[in-house]
């Protein structure tokens, strides 16, 4: 590889690395608040889903089932959803939320007014 191609390859990799790392930086606090509502909601209790379905290819009928169960570490540790929300927003944006969890638009968890 010529020196010029080598330098171009290094420059290209540097640009790709910079673009990749750009997603790791802090996000605006308003965006973090929207993203962290789910974290707070999962801190209120376990979640589960059950699914039943049927399909056919014209000759055979198949029945399928599914079960999903999710429990967050915030719930297991007994953390208040508002505390989980505050920690999440701070971790994502580097700032505290602009308003408490229970005043956030879209909050429907326990303790909502």
PDB file of N, CA and C in Angstrom:
ATOM      1  N   UNK A   1       0.854  -1.164   0.000  1.00  0.00           N
ATOM      2  CA  UNK A   1       0.000   0.000   0.000  1.00  0.00           C
ATOM      3  C   UNK A   1       0.908   1.237   0.000  1.00  0.00           C
ATOM      4  N   UNK A   2       0.573   2.191  -0.856  1.00  0.00           N
ATOM      5  CA  UNK A   2       1.391   3.401  -0.901  1.00  0.00           C
ATOM      6  C   UNK A   2       1.144   4.244   0.338  1.00  0.00           C
ATOM      7  N   UNK A   3       2.073   5.152   0.579  1.00  0.00           N
ATOM      8  CA  UNK A   3       1.946   6.027   1.752  1.00  0.00           C
ATOM      9  C   UNK A   3       0.655   6.832   1.688  1.00  0.00           C
ATOM     10  N   UNK A   4       0.302   7.327   0.513  1.00  0.00           N
ATOM     11  CA  UNK A   4      -0.905   8.142   0.372  1.00  0.00           C
ATOM     12  C   UNK A   4      -2.156   7.314   0.689  1.00  0.00           C
ATOM     13  N   UNK A   5      -2.229   6.089   0.179  1.00  0.00           N
ATOM     14  CA  UNK A   5      -3.381   5.234   0.472  1.00  0.00           C
ATOM     15  C   UNK A   5      -3.442   4.895   1.954  1.00  0.00           C
ATOM     16  N   UNK A   6      -2.291   4.673   2.538  1.00  0.00           N
ATOM     17  CA  UNK A   6      -2.222   4.364   3.958  1.00  0.00           C
ATOM     18  C   UNK A   6      -2.790   5.527   4.782  1.00  0.00           C
ATOM     19  N   UNK A   7      -2.388   6.747   4.440  1.00  0.00           N
ATOM     20  CA  UNK A   7      -2.898   7.929   5.153  1.00  0.00           C
ATOM     21  C   UNK A   7      -4.397   8.102   4.940  1.00  0.00           C
ATOM     22  N   UNK A   8      -4.873   7.840   3.734  1.00  0.00           N
ATOM     23  CA  UNK A   8      -6.315   7.936   3.454  1.00  0.00           C
ATOM     24  C   UNK A   8      -7.097   6.902   4.262  1.00  0.00           C
ATOM     25  N   UNK A   9      -6.543   5.705   4.369  1.00  0.00           N
ATOM     26  CA  UNK A   9      -7.211   4.662   5.151  1.00  0.00           C
ATOM     27  C   UNK A   9      -7.279   5.056   6.624  1.00  0.00           C
ATOM     28  N   UNK A  10      -6.207   5.591   7.152  1.00  0.00           N
ATOM     29  CA  UNK A  10      -6.190   6.037   8.546  1.00  0.00           C
ATOM     30  C   UNK A  10      -7.192   7.167   8.750  1.00  0.00           C
ATOM     31  N   UNK A  11      -7.240   8.117   7.816  1.00  0.00           N
ATOM     32  CA  UNK A  11      -8.191   9.229   7.925  1.00  0.00           C
ATOM     33  C   UNK A  11      -9.621   8.706   7.880  1.00  0.00           C
ATOM     34  N   UNK A  12      -9.880   7.747   7.013  1.00  0.00           N
ATOM     35  CA  UNK A  12     -11.227   7.177   6.915  1.00  0.00           C
ATOM     36  C   UNK A  12     -11.643   6.468   8.190  1.00  0.00           C
ATOM     37  N   UNK A  13     -10.733   5.697   8.767  1.00  0.00           N
ATOM     38  CA  UNK A  13     -11.032   5.010  10.016  1.00  0.00           C
ATOM     39  C   UNK A  13     -11.246   5.993  11.155  1.00  0.00           C
ATOM     40  N   UNK A  14     -10.500   7.075  11.163  1.00  0.00           N
ATOM     41  CA  UNK A  14     -10.666   8.102  12.193  1.00  0.00           C
ATOM     42  C   UNK A  14     -12.051   8.735  12.104  1.00  0.00           C
ATOM     43  N   UNK A  15     -12.481   9.032  10.884  1.00  0.00           N
ATOM     44  CA  UNK A  15     -13.818   9.615  10.692  1.00  0.00           C
ATOM     45  C   UNK A  15     -14.888   8.629  11.148  1.00  0.00           C
ATOM     46  N   UNK A  16     -14.759   7.357  10.782  1.00  0.00           N
ATOM     47  CA  UNK A  16     -15.734   6.350  11.204  1.00  0.00           C
ATOM     48  C   UNK A  16     -15.781   6.220  12.723  1.00  0.00           C
ATOM     49  N   UNK A  17     -14.632   6.236  13.361  1.00  0.00           N
ATOM     50  CA  UNK A  17     -14.588   6.143  14.818  1.00  0.00           C
ATOM     51  C   UNK A  17     -15.252   7.357  15.459  1.00  0.00           C
ATOM     52  N   UNK A  18     -15.018   8.540  14.922  1.00  0.00           N
ATOM     53  CA  UNK A  18     -15.625   9.757  15.467  1.00  0.00           C
ATOM     54  C   UNK A  18     -17.140   9.713  15.320  1.00  0.00           C
ATOM     55  N   UNK A  19     -17.622   9.250  14.180  1.00  0.00           N
ATOM     56  CA  UNK A  19     -19.065   9.147  13.959  1.00  0.00           C
ATOM     57  C   UNK A  19     -19.661   8.122  14.922  1.00  0.00           C
ATOM     58  N   UNK A  20     -18.986   7.004  15.112  1.00  0.00           N
ATOM     59  CA  UNK A  20     -19.470   5.977  16.023  1.00  0.00           C
ATOM     60  C   UNK A  20     -19.528   6.453  17.462  1.00  0.00           C
ATOM     61  N   UNK A  21     -18.532   7.206  17.878  1.00  0.00           N
ATOM     62  CA  UNK A  21     -18.500   7.700  19.251  1.00  0.00           C
ATOM     63  C   UNK A  21     -19.457   8.862  19.480  1.00  0.00           C
ATOM     64  N   UNK A  22     -19.900   9.518  18.428  1.00  0.00           N
ATOM     65  CA  UNK A  22     -20.824  10.645  18.584  1.00  0.00           C
ATOM     66  C   UNK A  22     -22.117  10.192  19.247  1.00  0.00           C
ATOM     67  N   UNK A  23     -22.523   8.946  19.029  1.00  0.00           N
ATOM     68  CA  UNK A  23     -23.735   8.425  19.645  1.00  0.00           C
ATOM     69  C   UNK A  23     -23.578   8.142  21.132  1.00  0.00           C
ATOM     70  N   UNK A  24     -22.362   8.194  21.644  1.00  0.00           N
ATOM     71  CA  UNK A  24     -22.115   7.898  23.053  1.00  0.00           C
ATOM     72  C   UNK A  24     -22.194   9.144  23.935  1.00  0.00           C
ATOM     73  N   UNK A  25     -22.265  10.304  23.347  1.00  0.00           N
ATOM     74  CA  UNK A  25     -22.268  11.542  24.119  1.00  0.00           C
ATOM     75  C   UNK A  25     -23.613  11.813  24.763  1.00  0.00           C
ATOM     76  N   UNK A  26     -23.675  12.836  25.604  1.00  0.00           N
ATOM     77  CA  UNK A  26     -24.930  13.171  26.262  1.00  0.00           C
ATOM     78  C   UNK A  26     -25.990  13.623  25.255  1.00  0.00           C
ATOM     79  N   UNK A  27     -27.230  13.368  25.610  1.00  0.00           N
ATOM     80  CA  UNK A  27     -28.353  13.797  24.784  1.00  0.00           C
ATOM     81  C   UNK A  27     -29.026  14.982  25.485  1.00  0.00           C
ATOM     82  N   UNK A  28     -29.823  15.772  24.781  1.00  0.00           N
ATOM     83  CA  UNK A  28     -30.543  16.872  25.439  1.00  0.00           C
ATOM     84  C   UNK A  28     -31.427  16.334  26.568  1.00  0.00           C
ATOM     85  N   UNK A  29     -31.563  17.100  27.620  1.00  0.00           N
ATOM     86  CA  UNK A  29     -32.291  16.638  28.808  1.00  0.00           C
ATOM     87  C   UNK A  29     -33.738  16.282  28.463  1.00  0.00           C
ATOM     88  N   UNK A  30     -34.375  17.004  27.557  1.00  0.00           N
ATOM     89  CA  UNK A  30     -35.761  16.716  27.184  1.00  0.00           C
ATOM     90  C   UNK A  30     -35.868  15.343  26.520  1.00  0.00           C
ATOM     91  N   UNK A  31     -34.888  15.010  25.693  1.00  0.00           N
ATOM     92  CA  UNK A  31     -34.873  13.697  25.039  1.00  0.00           C
ATOM     93  C   UNK A  31     -34.644  12.604  26.078  1.00  0.00           C
ATOM     94  N   UNK A  32     -33.736  12.841  27.004  1.00  0.00           N
ATOM     95  CA  UNK A  32     -33.462  11.864  28.061  1.00  0.00           C
ATOM     96  C   UNK A  32     -34.709  11.637  28.916  1.00  0.00           C
ATOM     97  N   UNK A  33     -35.450  12.687  29.194  1.00  0.00           N
ATOM     98  CA  UNK A  33     -36.683  12.541  29.981  1.00  0.00           C
ATOM     99  C   UNK A  33     -37.670  11.613  29.271  1.00  0.00           C
ATOM    100  N   UNK A  34     -37.832  11.795  27.972  1.00  0.00           N
ATOM    101  CA  UNK A  34     -38.757  10.937  27.208  1.00  0.00           C
ATOM    102  C   UNK A  34     -38.272   9.488  27.216  1.00  0.00           C
ATOM    103  N   UNK A  35     -36.977   9.292  27.035  1.00  0.00           N
ATOM    104  CA  UNK A  35     -36.419   7.943  26.987  1.00  0.00           C
ATOM    105  C   UNK A  35     -36.502   7.251  28.342  1.00  0.00           C
ATOM    106  N   UNK A  36     -36.395   7.996  29.418  1.00  0.00           N
ATOM    107  CA  UNK A  36     -36.320   7.408  30.755  1.00  0.00           C
ATOM    108  C   UNK A  36     -37.681   7.123  31.379  1.00  0.00           C
ATOM    109  N   UNK A  37     -38.771   7.525  30.747  1.00  0.00           N
ATOM    110  CA  UNK A  37     -40.099   7.190  31.265  1.00  0.00           C
ATOM    111  C   UNK A  37     -40.272   5.674  31.335  1.00  0.00           C
ATOM    112  N   UNK A  38     -39.730   4.959  30.359  1.00  0.00           N
ATOM    113  CA  UNK A  38     -39.834   3.497  30.349  1.00  0.00           C
ATOM    114  C   UNK A  38     -39.054   2.890  31.517  1.00  0.00           C
ATOM    115  N   UNK A  39     -37.893   3.445  31.822  1.00  0.00           N
ATOM    116  CA  UNK A  39     -37.099   2.967  32.957  1.00  0.00           C
ATOM    117  C   UNK A  39     -37.883   3.119  34.252  1.00  0.00           C
ATOM    118  N   UNK A  40     -38.527   4.278  34.420  1.00  0.00           N
ATOM    119  CA  UNK A  40     -39.326   4.524  35.627  1.00  0.00           C
ATOM    120  C   UNK A  40     -40.518   3.581  35.683  1.00  0.00           C
ATOM    121  N   UNK A  41     -41.155   3.341  34.542  1.00  0.00           N
ATOM    122  CA  UNK A  41     -42.315   2.458  34.508  1.00  0.00           C
ATOM    123  C   UNK A  41     -41.924   1.026  34.882  1.00  0.00           C
ATOM    124  N   UNK A  42     -40.765   0.560  34.407  1.00  0.00           N
ATOM    125  CA  UNK A  42     -40.316  -0.794  34.748  1.00  0.00           C
ATOM    126  C   UNK A  42     -39.984  -0.922  36.231  1.00  0.00           C
ATOM    127  N   UNK A  43     -39.683   0.196  36.900  1.00  0.00           N
ATOM    128  CA  UNK A  43     -39.374   0.155  38.336  1.00  0.00           C
ATOM    129  C   UNK A  43     -40.639  -0.028  39.178  1.00  0.00           C
ATOM    130  N   UNK A  44     -41.825   0.076  38.569  1.00  0.00           N
ATOM    131  CA  UNK A  44     -43.072  -0.079  39.323  1.00  0.00           C
ATOM    132  C   UNK A  44     -43.472  -1.536  39.500  1.00  0.00           C
ATOM    133  N   UNK A  45     -42.919  -2.443  38.702  1.00  0.00           N
ATOM    134  CA  UNK A  45     -43.266  -3.855  38.869  1.00  0.00           C
ATOM    135  C   UNK A  45     -42.886  -4.679  37.660  1.00  0.00           C
ATOM    136  N   UNK A  46     -43.015  -5.996  37.801  1.00  0.00           N
ATOM    137  CA  UNK A  46     -42.689  -6.896  36.697  1.00  0.00           C
ATOM    138  C   UNK A  46     -43.669  -6.746  35.541  1.00  0.00           C
ATOM    139  N   UNK A  47     -43.210  -7.109  34.357  1.00  0.00           N
ATOM    140  CA  UNK A  47     -44.035  -7.060  33.146  1.00  0.00           C
ATOM    141  C   UNK A  47     -44.047  -8.453  32.527  1.00  0.00           C
ATOM    142  N   UNK A  48     -45.154  -8.787  31.919  1.00  0.00           N
ATOM    143  CA  UNK A  48     -45.240 -10.074  31.247  1.00  0.00           C
ATOM    144  C   UNK A  48     -46.122  -9.983  30.021  1.00  0.00           C
ATOM    145  N   UNK A  49     -45.873 -10.880  29.077  1.00  0.00           N
ATOM    146  CA  UNK A  49     -46.674 -10.959  27.860  1.00  0.00           C
ATOM    147  C   UNK A  49     -46.925 -12.431  27.554  1.00  0.00           C
ATOM    148  N   UNK A  50     -48.122 -12.717  27.070  1.00  0.00           N
ATOM    149  CA  UNK A  50     -48.467 -14.055  26.630  1.00  0.00           C
ATOM    150  C   UNK A  50     -49.001 -13.924  25.217  1.00  0.00           C
ATOM    151  N   UNK A  51     -48.573 -14.793  24.338  1.00  0.00           N
ATOM    152  CA  UNK A  51     -49.048 -14.754  22.961  1.00  0.00           C
ATOM    153  C   UNK A  51     -49.435 -16.129  22.470  1.00  0.00           C
ATOM    154  N   UNK A  52     -50.522 -16.188  21.717  1.00  0.00           N
ATOM    155  CA  UNK A  52     -50.980 -17.428  21.105  1.00  0.00           C
ATOM    156  C   UNK A  52     -51.301 -17.108  19.653  1.00  0.00           C
ATOM    157  N   UNK A  53     -50.867 -17.953  18.764  1.00  0.00           N
ATOM    158  CA  UNK A  53     -51.131 -17.717  17.354  1.00  0.00           C
ATOM    159  C   UNK A  53     -51.331 -19.009  16.596  1.00  0.00           C
ATOM    160  N   UNK A  54     -51.886 -18.864  15.403  1.00  0.00           N
ATOM    161  CA  UNK A  54     -52.131 -20.009  14.554  1.00  0.00           C
ATOM    162  C   UNK A  54     -51.755 -19.644  13.134  1.00  0.00           C
ATOM    163  N   UNK A  55     -51.156 -20.589  12.415  1.00  0.00           N
ATOM    164  CA  UNK A  55     -50.836 -20.349  11.019  1.00  0.00           C
ATOM    165  C   UNK A  55     -51.112 -21.618  10.222  1.00  0.00           C
ATOM    166  N   UNK A  56     -51.288 -21.423   8.938  1.00  0.00           N
ATOM    167  CA  UNK A  56     -51.514 -22.568   8.067  1.00  0.00           C
ATOM    168  C   UNK A  56     -50.810 -22.334   6.743  1.00  0.00           C
ATOM    169  N   UNK A  57     -50.359 -23.428   6.136  1.00  0.00           N
ATOM    170  CA  UNK A  57     -49.764 -23.332   4.807  1.00  0.00           C
ATOM    171  C   UNK A  57     -50.698 -23.949   3.765  1.00  0.00           C
ATOM    172  N   UNK A  58     -51.930 -24.209   4.152  1.00  0.00           N
ATOM    173  CA  UNK A  58     -52.909 -24.812   3.259  1.00  0.00           C
ATOM    174  C   UNK A  58     -53.060 -26.299   3.488  1.00  0.00           C
ATOM    175  N   UNK A  59     -52.045 -26.918   4.033  1.00  0.00           N
ATOM    176  CA  UNK A  59     -52.085 -28.353   4.288  1.00  0.00           C
ATOM    177  C   UNK A  59     -52.025 -28.678   5.767  1.00  0.00           C
ATOM    178  N   UNK A  60     -51.318 -27.860   6.467  1.00  0.00           N
ATOM    179  CA  UNK A  60     -51.072 -28.111   7.870  1.00  0.00           C
ATOM    180  C   UNK A  60     -51.375 -26.856   8.681  1.00  0.00           C
ATOM    181  N   UNK A  61     -51.903 -27.028   9.866  1.00  0.00           N
ATOM    182  CA  UNK A  61     -52.146 -25.907  10.765  1.00  0.00           C
ATOM    183  C   UNK A  61     -51.170 -26.014  11.930  1.00  0.00           C
ATOM    184  N   UNK A  62     -50.576 -24.895  12.264  1.00  0.00           N
ATOM    185  CA  UNK A  62     -49.616 -24.859  13.373  1.00  0.00           C
ATOM    186  C   UNK A  62     -50.108 -23.876  14.422  1.00  0.00           C
ATOM    187  N   UNK A  63     -49.929 -24.268  15.658  1.00  0.00           N
ATOM    188  CA  UNK A  63     -50.269 -23.410  16.783  1.00  0.00           C
ATOM    189  C   UNK A  63     -48.964 -23.014  17.464  1.00  0.00           C
ATOM    190  N   UNK A  64     -48.827 -21.746  17.745  1.00  0.00           N
ATOM    191  CA  UNK A  64     -47.630 -21.263  18.421  1.00  0.00           C
ATOM    192  C   UNK A  64     -48.001 -20.503  19.679  1.00  0.00           C
ATOM    193  N   UNK A  65     -47.141 -20.584  20.659  1.00  0.00           N
ATOM    194  CA  UNK A  65     -47.348 -19.849  21.903  1.00  0.00           C
ATOM    195  C   UNK A  65     -46.059 -19.153  22.287  1.00  0.00           C
ATOM    196  N   UNK A  66     -46.190 -18.127  23.079  1.00  0.00           N
ATOM    197  CA  UNK A  66     -45.017 -17.412  23.554  1.00  0.00           C
ATOM    198  C   UNK A  66     -45.273 -16.817  24.925  1.00  0.00           C
ATOM    199  N   UNK A  67     -44.242 -16.725  25.706  1.00  0.00           N
ATOM    200  CA  UNK A  67     -44.334 -16.162  27.044  1.00  0.00           C
ATOM    201  C   UNK A  67     -43.092 -15.329  27.281  1.00  0.00           C
ATOM    202  N   UNK A  68     -43.286 -14.125  27.785  1.00  0.00           N
ATOM    203  CA  UNK A  68     -42.174 -13.218  28.061  1.00  0.00           C
ATOM    204  C   UNK A  68     -42.378 -12.607  29.447  1.00  0.00           C
ATOM    205  N   UNK A  69     -41.311 -12.540  30.230  1.00  0.00           N
ATOM    206  CA  UNK A  69     -41.382 -11.977  31.576  1.00  0.00           C
ATOM    207  C   UNK A  69     -40.171 -11.087  31.782  1.00  0.00           C
ATOM    208  N   UNK A  70     -40.391  -9.890  32.299  1.00  0.00           N
ATOM    209  CA  UNK A  70     -39.299  -8.939  32.507  1.00  0.00           C
ATOM    210  C   UNK A  70     -39.422  -8.322  33.893  1.00  0.00           C
ATOM    211  N   UNK A  71     -38.306  -8.242  34.586  1.00  0.00           N
ATOM    212  CA  UNK A  71     -38.279  -7.587  35.894  1.00  0.00           C
ATOM    213  C   UNK A  71     -37.017  -6.734  35.955  1.00  0.00           C
ATOM    214  N   UNK A  72     -37.151  -5.482  36.349  1.00  0.00           N
ATOM    215  CA  UNK A  72     -35.997  -4.581  36.347  1.00  0.00           C
ATOM    216  C   UNK A  72     -35.247  -4.658  37.675  1.00  0.00           C
ATOM    217  N   UNK A  73     -33.972  -4.338  37.614  1.00  0.00           N
ATOM    218  CA  UNK A  73     -33.169  -4.327  38.837  1.00  0.00           C
ATOM    219  C   UNK A  73     -33.642  -3.222  39.773  1.00  0.00           C
ATOM    220  N   UNK A  74     -34.184  -2.135  39.225  1.00  0.00           N
ATOM    221  CA  UNK A  74     -34.712  -1.061  40.080  1.00  0.00           C
ATOM    222  C   UNK A  74     -35.870  -1.586  40.930  1.00  0.00           C
ATOM    223  N   UNK A  75     -36.727  -2.413  40.340  1.00  0.00           N
ATOM    224  CA  UNK A  75     -37.846  -2.988  41.088  1.00  0.00           C
ATOM    225  C   UNK A  75     -37.334  -3.960  42.159  1.00  0.00           C
ATOM    226  N   UNK A  76     -36.392  -4.813  41.782  1.00  0.00           N
ATOM    227  CA  UNK A  76     -35.840  -5.791  42.722  1.00  0.00           C
ATOM    228  C   UNK A  76     -35.192  -5.089  43.913  1.00  0.00           C
ATOM    229  N   UNK A  77     -34.502  -3.977  43.643  1.00  0.00           N
ATOM    230  CA  UNK A  77     -33.828  -3.233  44.711  1.00  0.00           C
ATOM    231  C   UNK A  77     -34.792  -2.361  45.508  1.00  0.00           C
ATOM    232  N   UNK A  78     -36.063  -2.283  45.081  1.00  0.00           N
ATOM    233  CA  UNK A  78     -37.061  -1.494  45.799  1.00  0.00           C
ATOM    234  C   UNK A  78     -36.910   0.005  45.600  1.00  0.00           C
ATOM    235  N   UNK A  79     -36.310   0.415  44.484  1.00  0.00           N
ATOM    236  CA  UNK A  79     -36.107   1.844  44.228  1.00  0.00           C
ATOM    237  C   UNK A  79     -37.423   2.512  43.836  1.00  0.00           C
ATOM    238  N   UNK A  80     -37.569   3.727  44.272  1.00  0.00           N
ATOM    239  CA  UNK A  80     -38.703   4.553  43.881  1.00  0.00           C
ATOM    240  C   UNK A  80     -38.576   4.852  42.386  1.00  0.00           C
ATOM    241  N   UNK A  81     -39.659   4.729  41.614  1.00  0.00           N
ATOM    242  CA  UNK A  81     -39.588   5.026  40.181  1.00  0.00           C
ATOM    243  C   UNK A  81     -39.039   6.426  39.887  1.00  0.00           C
ATOM    244  N   UNK A  82     -39.342   7.399  40.756  1.00  0.00           N
ATOM    245  CA  UNK A  82     -38.836   8.758  40.551  1.00  0.00           C
ATOM    246  C   UNK A  82     -37.305   8.790  40.676  1.00  0.00           C
ATOM    247  N   UNK A  83     -36.756   8.008  41.602  1.00  0.00           N
ATOM    248  CA  UNK A  83     -35.296   7.936  41.739  1.00  0.00           C
ATOM    249  C   UNK A  83     -34.666   7.268  40.509  1.00  0.00           C
ATOM    250  N   UNK A  84     -35.296   6.190  40.032  1.00  0.00           N
ATOM    251  CA  UNK A  84     -34.794   5.510  38.835  1.00  0.00           C
ATOM    252  C   UNK A  84     -34.830   6.469  37.637  1.00  0.00           C
ATOM    253  N   UNK A  85     -35.891   7.257  37.530  1.00  0.00           N
ATOM    254  CA  UNK A  85     -36.028   8.236  36.456  1.00  0.00           C
ATOM    255  C   UNK A  85     -34.931   9.296  36.552  1.00  0.00           C
ATOM    256  N   UNK A  86     -34.727   9.847  37.740  1.00  0.00           N
ATOM    257  CA  UNK A  86     -33.704  10.882  37.925  1.00  0.00           C
ATOM    258  C   UNK A  86     -32.310  10.371  37.570  1.00  0.00           C
ATOM    259  N   UNK A  87     -31.965   9.156  38.025  1.00  0.00           N
ATOM    260  CA  UNK A  87     -30.656   8.577  37.721  1.00  0.00           C
ATOM    261  C   UNK A  87     -30.489   8.357  36.217  1.00  0.00           C
ATOM    262  N   UNK A  88     -31.546   7.870  35.569  1.00  0.00           N
ATOM    263  CA  UNK A  88     -31.491   7.616  34.131  1.00  0.00           C
ATOM    264  C   UNK A  88     -31.262   8.911  33.355  1.00  0.00           C
ATOM    265  N   UNK A  89     -32.028   9.959  33.682  1.00  0.00           N
ATOM    266  CA  UNK A  89     -31.886  11.244  32.983  1.00  0.00           C
ATOM    267  C   UNK A  89     -30.485  11.811  33.207  1.00  0.00           C
ATOM    268  N   UNK A  90     -29.997  11.756  34.437  1.00  0.00           N
ATOM    269  CA  UNK A  90     -28.662  12.265  34.746  1.00  0.00           C
ATOM    270  C   UNK A  90     -27.584  11.497  33.976  1.00  0.00           C
ATOM    271  N   UNK A  91     -27.726  10.169  33.906  1.00  0.00           N
ATOM    272  CA  UNK A  91     -26.744   9.351  33.173  1.00  0.00           C
ATOM    273  C   UNK A  91     -26.756   9.643  31.680  1.00  0.00           C
ATOM    274  N   UNK A  92     -27.918   9.883  31.116  1.00  0.00           N
ATOM    275  CA  UNK A  92     -28.008  10.088  29.662  1.00  0.00           C
ATOM    276  C   UNK A  92     -27.682  11.514  29.228  1.00  0.00           C
ATOM    277  N   UNK A  93     -28.066  12.500  30.051  1.00  0.00           N
ATOM    278  CA  UNK A  93     -27.910  13.894  29.627  1.00  0.00           C
ATOM    279  C   UNK A  93     -26.834  14.651  30.397  1.00  0.00           C
ATOM    280  N   UNK A  94     -26.465  14.141  31.567  1.00  0.00           N
ATOM    281  CA  UNK A  94     -25.524  14.869  32.410  1.00  0.00           C
ATOM    282  C   UNK A  94     -26.205  15.961  33.229  1.00  0.00           C
ATOM    283  N   UNK A  95     -27.526  16.024  33.151  1.00  0.00           N
ATOM    284  CA  UNK A  95     -28.303  17.030  33.895  1.00  0.00           C
ATOM    285  C   UNK A  95     -29.461  16.353  34.604  1.00  0.00           C
ATOM    286  N   UNK A  96     -29.961  17.013  35.644  1.00  0.00           N
ATOM    287  CA  UNK A  96     -31.150  16.518  36.333  1.00  0.00           C
ATOM    288  C   UNK A  96     -32.374  16.860  35.485  1.00  0.00           C
ATOM    289  N   UNK A  97     -33.486  16.127  35.672  1.00  0.00           N
ATOM    290  CA  UNK A  97     -34.707  16.413  34.902  1.00  0.00           C
ATOM    291  C   UNK A  97     -35.208  17.837  35.141  1.00  0.00           C
ATOM    292  N   UNK A  98     -35.906  18.379  34.145  1.00  0.00           N
ATOM    293  CA  UNK A  98     -36.448  19.733  34.266  1.00  0.00           C
ATOM    294  C   UNK A  98     -37.674  19.776  35.160  1.00  0.00           C
ATOM    295  N   UNK A  99     -38.337  18.623  35.330  1.00  0.00           N
ATOM    296  CA  UNK A  99     -39.483  18.519  36.239  1.00  0.00           C
ATOM    297  C   UNK A  99     -39.557  17.096  36.773  1.00  0.00           C
ATOM    298  N   UNK A 100     -40.223  16.919  37.912  1.00  0.00           N
ATOM    299  CA  UNK A 100     -40.279  15.583  38.525  1.00  0.00           C
ATOM    300  C   UNK A 100     -41.004  14.569  37.631  1.00  0.00           C
ATOM    301  N   UNK A 101     -40.754  13.315  37.902  1.00  0.00           N
ATOM    302  CA  UNK A 101     -41.372  12.235  37.131  1.00  0.00           C
ATOM    303  C   UNK A 101     -42.884  12.367  37.080  1.00  0.00           C
ATOM    304  N   UNK A 102     -43.501  12.641  38.214  1.00  0.00           N
ATOM    305  CA  UNK A 102     -44.961  12.643  38.292  1.00  0.00           C
ATOM    306  C   UNK A 102     -45.597  13.817  37.553  1.00  0.00           C
ATOM    307  N   UNK A 103     -44.772  14.761  37.081  1.00  0.00           N
ATOM    308  CA  UNK A 103     -45.271  15.878  36.265  1.00  0.00           C
ATOM    309  C   UNK A 103     -44.894  15.727  34.797  1.00  0.00           C
ATOM    310  N   UNK A 104     -44.244  14.629  34.442  1.00  0.00           N
ATOM    311  CA  UNK A 104     -43.827  14.408  33.061  1.00  0.00           C
ATOM    312  C   UNK A 104     -45.037  14.049  32.196  1.00  0.00           C
ATOM    313  N   UNK A 105     -45.149  14.660  31.013  1.00  0.00           N
ATOM    314  CA  UNK A 105     -46.230  14.253  30.103  1.00  0.00           C
ATOM    315  C   UNK A 105     -46.036  12.788  29.709  1.00  0.00           C
ATOM    316  N   UNK A 106     -47.092  12.039  29.744  1.00  0.00           N
ATOM    317  CA  UNK A 106     -47.020  10.641  29.360  1.00  0.00           C
ATOM    318  C   UNK A 106     -46.787   9.687  30.519  1.00  0.00           C
ATOM    319  N   UNK A 107     -46.508  10.190  31.724  1.00  0.00           N
ATOM    320  CA  UNK A 107     -46.289   9.299  32.852  1.00  0.00           C
ATOM    321  C   UNK A 107     -47.628   8.737  33.326  1.00  0.00           C
ATOM    322  N   UNK A 108     -47.746   7.409  33.317  1.00  0.00           N
ATOM    323  CA  UNK A 108     -48.989   6.760  33.733  1.00  0.00           C
ATOM    324  C   UNK A 108     -48.742   5.698  34.796  1.00  0.00           C
ATOM    325  N   UNK A 109     -47.566   5.713  35.379  1.00  0.00           N
ATOM    326  CA  UNK A 109     -47.216   4.692  36.358  1.00  0.00           C
ATOM    327  C   UNK A 109     -47.864   4.945  37.712  1.00  0.00           C
ATOM    328  N   UNK A 110     -47.466   4.152  38.695  1.00  0.00           N
ATOM    329  CA  UNK A 110     -47.988   4.306  40.043  1.00  0.00           C
ATOM    330  C   UNK A 110     -47.585   5.668  40.588  1.00  0.00           C
ATOM    331  N   UNK A 111     -48.482   6.283  41.321  1.00  0.00           N
ATOM    332  CA  UNK A 111     -48.194   7.577  41.902  1.00  0.00           C
ATOM    333  C   UNK A 111     -48.513   8.741  40.972  1.00  0.00           C
ATOM    334  N   UNK A 112     -48.968   8.445  39.753  1.00  0.00           N
ATOM    335  CA  UNK A 112     -49.318   9.523  38.819  1.00  0.00           C
ATOM    336  C   UNK A 112     -50.558  10.223  39.317  1.00  0.00           C
ATOM    337  N   UNK A 113     -50.572  11.510  39.098  1.00  0.00           N
ATOM    338  CA  UNK A 113     -51.722  12.303  39.554  1.00  0.00           C
ATOM    339  C   UNK A 113     -52.809  12.345  38.516  1.00  0.00           C
TER     340      UNK A 113
END
